Protein backbone atom coordinates (compact mmCIF):
# COMPACT_ATOMS: atom_id res chain seq x y z
CA MET A 1 -1.13 15.35 -1.64
CA LYS A 2 -1.93 17.76 -4.66
CA THR A 3 0.35 15.79 -6.93
CA TRP A 4 -1.38 12.75 -6.57
CA GLU A 5 -4.34 14.46 -7.37
CA ASN A 6 -2.89 14.99 -10.83
CA ASN A 7 -1.47 11.40 -10.93
CA TYR A 8 -4.58 10.43 -10.47
CA LYS A 9 -7.11 12.73 -12.03
CA ASN A 10 -5.02 14.39 -15.40
CA LEU A 11 -2.00 11.01 -15.42
CA LYS A 12 -4.58 8.43 -15.42
CA ARG A 13 -1.14 7.14 -12.98
CA TYR A 14 -3.38 4.01 -11.76
CA ASN A 15 -3.78 0.68 -11.72
CA ASN A 16 -6.96 -0.67 -13.19
CA TYR A 17 -6.44 -4.27 -11.91
CA PRO A 18 -4.58 -6.10 -8.28
CA HIS A 19 -1.73 -7.23 -8.27
CA ASP A 20 -1.01 -11.45 -8.44
CA PHE A 21 0.34 -11.51 -4.91
CA VAL A 22 -2.69 -9.10 -3.34
CA VAL A 23 -4.26 -12.63 -5.11
CA SER A 24 -2.90 -15.28 -3.69
CA GLU A 25 -1.78 -14.11 -0.57
CA THR A 26 -5.46 -13.18 0.58
CA LEU A 27 -6.70 -16.59 -1.29
CA LYS A 28 -4.73 -18.64 1.25
CA HIS A 29 -4.72 -17.13 4.24
CA PHE A 30 -9.10 -15.92 3.85
CA LYS A 31 -11.02 -19.33 2.72
CA ASN A 32 -13.49 -18.58 3.67
CA VAL A 33 -15.06 -14.16 3.84
CA ASN A 34 -18.80 -14.62 4.81
CA LYS A 35 -18.40 -10.97 7.37
CA ILE A 36 -14.62 -10.84 6.93
CA LYS A 37 -13.44 -6.96 6.66
CA ALA A 38 -11.04 -6.06 4.79
CA LEU A 39 -9.55 -2.79 3.88
CA ASP A 40 -7.69 -0.99 0.60
CA LEU A 41 -5.38 1.29 1.62
CA GLY A 42 -4.59 3.59 -0.51
CA CYS A 43 -7.58 2.12 -3.26
CA GLY A 44 -6.27 4.45 -5.70
CA GLY A 45 -7.17 3.18 -8.71
CA GLY A 46 -9.64 -0.02 -6.97
CA GLY A 47 -9.13 -2.16 -8.88
CA ASN A 48 -7.09 -4.17 -5.45
CA THR A 49 -10.69 -2.88 -3.90
CA LYS A 50 -12.33 -4.63 -6.87
CA PHE A 51 -10.79 -7.54 -6.21
CA LEU A 52 -11.86 -8.30 -2.19
CA ALA A 53 -15.66 -6.76 -2.86
CA GLU A 54 -16.00 -9.89 -5.98
CA GLN A 55 -14.06 -12.08 -2.98
CA GLY A 56 -17.14 -11.08 -0.97
CA PHE A 57 -15.68 -9.39 1.87
CA LEU A 58 -16.90 -6.78 3.44
CA THR A 59 -14.83 -4.33 1.94
CA TYR A 60 -13.88 -1.01 2.26
CA GLY A 61 -11.13 1.30 0.61
CA VAL A 62 -9.60 4.88 2.08
CA ASP A 63 -7.14 7.71 0.42
CA ALA A 64 -6.43 10.86 0.05
CA SER A 65 -7.09 11.42 -3.31
CA GLN A 66 -10.85 12.70 -3.70
CA THR A 67 -10.57 11.74 -7.74
CA ALA A 68 -9.15 7.99 -6.43
CA VAL A 69 -12.12 7.64 -3.71
CA ASN A 70 -14.08 8.59 -7.30
CA LEU A 71 -12.43 5.99 -9.12
CA THR A 72 -12.54 3.48 -6.62
CA LYS A 73 -16.61 3.74 -6.19
CA LYS A 74 -17.44 3.80 -9.94
CA LYS A 75 -15.54 0.31 -9.53
CA LEU A 76 -18.13 -1.20 -7.50
CA VAL A 77 -20.66 0.54 -8.45
CA LYS A 78 -22.65 -2.60 -8.04
CA SER A 79 -21.08 -4.13 -4.87
CA LYS A 80 -23.44 -3.39 -1.62
CA LYS A 81 -20.90 -4.61 0.61
CA LYS A 82 -18.21 -1.77 0.61
CA LYS A 83 -17.56 1.89 1.52
CA ILE A 84 -15.13 3.87 0.31
CA ILE A 85 -13.64 6.95 2.49
CA LYS A 86 -11.69 10.12 1.60
CA ALA A 87 -8.74 9.76 5.13
CA ASN A 88 -5.43 10.21 5.68
CA PHE A 89 -3.41 7.12 7.10
CA GLU A 90 -2.96 8.74 9.84
CA ASN A 91 -6.20 9.67 11.57
CA LEU A 92 -8.14 6.60 9.97
CA PRO A 93 -12.30 7.15 10.21
CA PHE A 94 -12.75 3.03 12.06
CA LYS A 95 -12.81 2.07 15.38
CA LYS A 96 -10.26 -0.02 17.52
CA ASN A 97 -10.30 -4.56 15.64
CA PHE A 98 -11.95 -3.41 13.38
CA PHE A 99 -10.41 -5.69 10.16
CA ASN A 100 -9.48 -8.47 9.48
CA LEU A 101 -7.28 -8.22 6.17
CA ILE A 102 -5.57 -4.73 5.90
CA ILE A 103 -3.76 -4.80 1.58
CA ASP A 104 -1.14 -1.61 0.58
CA ARG A 105 -0.78 -2.02 -3.28
CA ALA A 106 3.01 0.48 -2.63
CA SER A 107 0.75 3.18 -0.41
CA LEU A 108 2.89 2.98 3.01
CA THR A 109 6.46 3.24 1.19
CA HIS A 110 5.25 6.51 0.02
CA ASN A 111 5.24 7.94 3.16
CA THR A 112 8.68 9.07 5.17
CA GLU A 113 9.73 6.66 7.70
CA SER A 114 9.88 8.35 10.66
CA SER A 115 6.00 9.20 10.18
CA LEU A 116 5.79 5.43 9.56
CA LYS A 117 7.40 3.90 13.13
CA GLU A 118 5.43 7.00 14.97
CA LYS A 119 2.17 7.46 13.25
CA ILE A 120 0.75 5.67 10.31
CA ILE A 121 1.98 2.13 11.46
CA PRO A 122 0.42 1.83 15.17
CA GLU A 123 -2.93 4.23 13.55
CA VAL A 124 -3.15 0.24 11.10
CA GLY A 125 -2.63 -1.45 13.82
CA ARG A 126 -4.89 -0.11 15.88
CA VAL A 127 -7.82 -0.78 13.23
CA LEU A 128 -6.53 -4.14 13.28
CA LYS A 129 -7.79 -7.34 14.81
CA LYS A 130 -5.42 -9.56 16.56
CA ASN A 131 -4.17 -12.57 14.45
CA GLY A 132 -4.79 -9.55 11.54
CA ILE A 133 -3.09 -9.62 8.91
CA ILE A 134 -1.50 -7.12 6.80
CA ILE A 135 -0.76 -7.56 2.62
CA SER A 136 1.84 -5.02 1.26
CA LEU A 137 4.55 -3.34 -1.28
CA PHE A 138 7.69 -1.23 -0.02
CA TRP A 139 10.85 0.01 -2.75
CA SER A 140 13.61 -1.85 -1.61
CA SER A 141 17.09 0.30 -0.57
CA ASN A 142 17.98 -1.64 -3.91
CA HIS A 143 15.77 0.75 -6.29
CA SER A 144 18.18 1.99 -9.17
CA ASP A 145 16.00 4.97 -9.30
CA LYS A 146 16.66 5.94 -5.60
CA ILE A 147 19.31 7.87 -6.83
CA TYR A 148 17.33 10.40 -9.12
CA GLY A 149 15.76 11.82 -5.82
CA LYS A 150 16.56 14.18 -2.97
CA ARG A 151 17.42 12.23 0.33
CA ILE A 152 14.90 13.87 2.80
CA LYS A 153 16.89 15.69 6.32
CA ASN A 154 16.66 14.29 9.02
CA GLU A 155 15.47 10.35 7.02
CA LYS A 156 17.60 7.66 6.39
CA ASN A 157 15.89 5.70 3.33
CA SER A 158 13.02 8.61 2.52
CA PHE A 159 13.99 9.81 -0.65
CA CYS A 160 11.76 13.44 -2.99
CA ASN A 161 12.19 15.46 -5.63
CA PHE A 162 13.10 12.95 -7.61
CA LYS A 163 14.19 14.35 -11.25
CA LYS A 164 13.61 11.18 -13.56
CA GLY A 165 12.72 7.16 -13.39
CA SER A 166 9.50 5.45 -11.74
CA PHE A 167 9.38 7.85 -8.36
CA LYS A 168 9.30 11.19 -11.07
CA TYR A 169 5.72 11.53 -9.95
CA SER A 170 6.31 10.72 -6.20
CA PRO A 171 6.58 13.40 -3.80
CA ILE A 172 7.88 10.72 -1.34
CA VAL A 173 9.12 7.18 -1.63
CA PHE A 174 10.85 5.57 1.41
CA PHE A 175 13.19 3.10 0.40
CA SER A 176 14.08 0.23 2.62
CA SER A 177 15.61 -3.03 3.81
CA ASN A 178 14.68 -6.39 4.98
CA LYS A 179 15.90 -4.58 8.52
CA ASP A 180 13.96 -1.86 7.50
CA LEU A 181 10.83 -3.36 7.58
CA LYS A 182 11.61 -6.15 10.57
CA GLN A 183 12.22 -3.13 12.81
CA LEU A 184 8.53 -1.20 11.30
CA PHE A 185 6.83 -3.76 11.87
CA ILE A 186 8.50 -5.40 15.36
CA ASN A 187 4.94 -5.96 16.64
CA TYR A 188 4.19 -8.65 13.50
CA GLU A 189 4.70 -11.62 12.53
CA PHE A 190 6.73 -12.31 9.56
CA LEU A 191 4.28 -15.25 7.49
CA ASN A 192 6.42 -14.58 4.32
CA MET A 193 8.91 -11.68 2.96
CA THR A 194 9.84 -11.89 -0.93
CA LYS A 195 12.36 -9.76 -2.69
CA ILE A 196 11.45 -9.43 -6.33
CA GLN A 197 13.76 -7.66 -9.00
CA GLU A 198 12.11 -7.66 -11.83
CA LYS A 199 13.93 -7.81 -15.95
CA PRO A 200 15.08 -4.47 -16.51
CA THR A 201 13.20 -3.30 -20.35
CA ILE A 202 15.68 -4.02 -23.10
CA GLY A 203 17.81 -1.25 -23.36
CA LYS A 204 17.74 -0.43 -20.03
CA LYS A 205 19.65 -0.71 -16.60
CA THR A 206 17.25 -0.24 -14.41
CA ASN A 207 16.91 -2.33 -11.52
CA ASN A 208 13.27 -1.55 -9.77
CA GLU A 209 13.70 -3.86 -6.66
CA TYR A 210 10.84 -4.25 -3.67
CA PHE A 211 9.46 -6.24 -0.98
CA LEU A 212 5.99 -8.12 -0.92
CA ILE A 213 5.40 -9.04 2.82
CA VAL A 214 2.57 -11.30 4.62
CA VAL A 215 2.57 -9.96 8.61
CA LYS A 216 0.34 -11.07 12.19
CA LYS A 217 -0.53 -9.22 14.14
CA LYS A 218 0.25 -10.57 17.35
């Protein structure tokens, strides 16, 4: 958590604006947001949280970083329908079947695969209603910067200690495949799985590949 706190507080590494996929998929699945509860999981700089609040959702946000919580609260200072909390993903402070929508802009993917399977995904599923939707971003196992990290013992696709590259300031990254994600969300219906391969910056050979997924709780 010290690493993420440093990212937000000192390095100013956070997104100020919502991801276009989050925007398009949210508006696609939720036409009427009256009394609809939405959670921004790992709210970071608050860009996605602000989008949810502006659309009229009953908006909640959680992050393990106090700086992230403060940044998000500042963005939503004019919104009345919001609650931003410092919390751990393995122990979310909400009742069972509480949310209709959970969005995750690459926060889940920064945990080990084992912790996701055994603790985090079950906990996220606990607070999500039946037919509730999760919109999420996961780094692909084909991402070229994976080579700069060290594979965590007893983990297949979870890495740490990145020497350079995109994840130099990330303590843990779980790089997933299509199959990995289907296993991770085995109790969900996949509504969308899109693999994005961004074009490398001129002069670089980085393969910045990731998955954008939308799943519905069965």
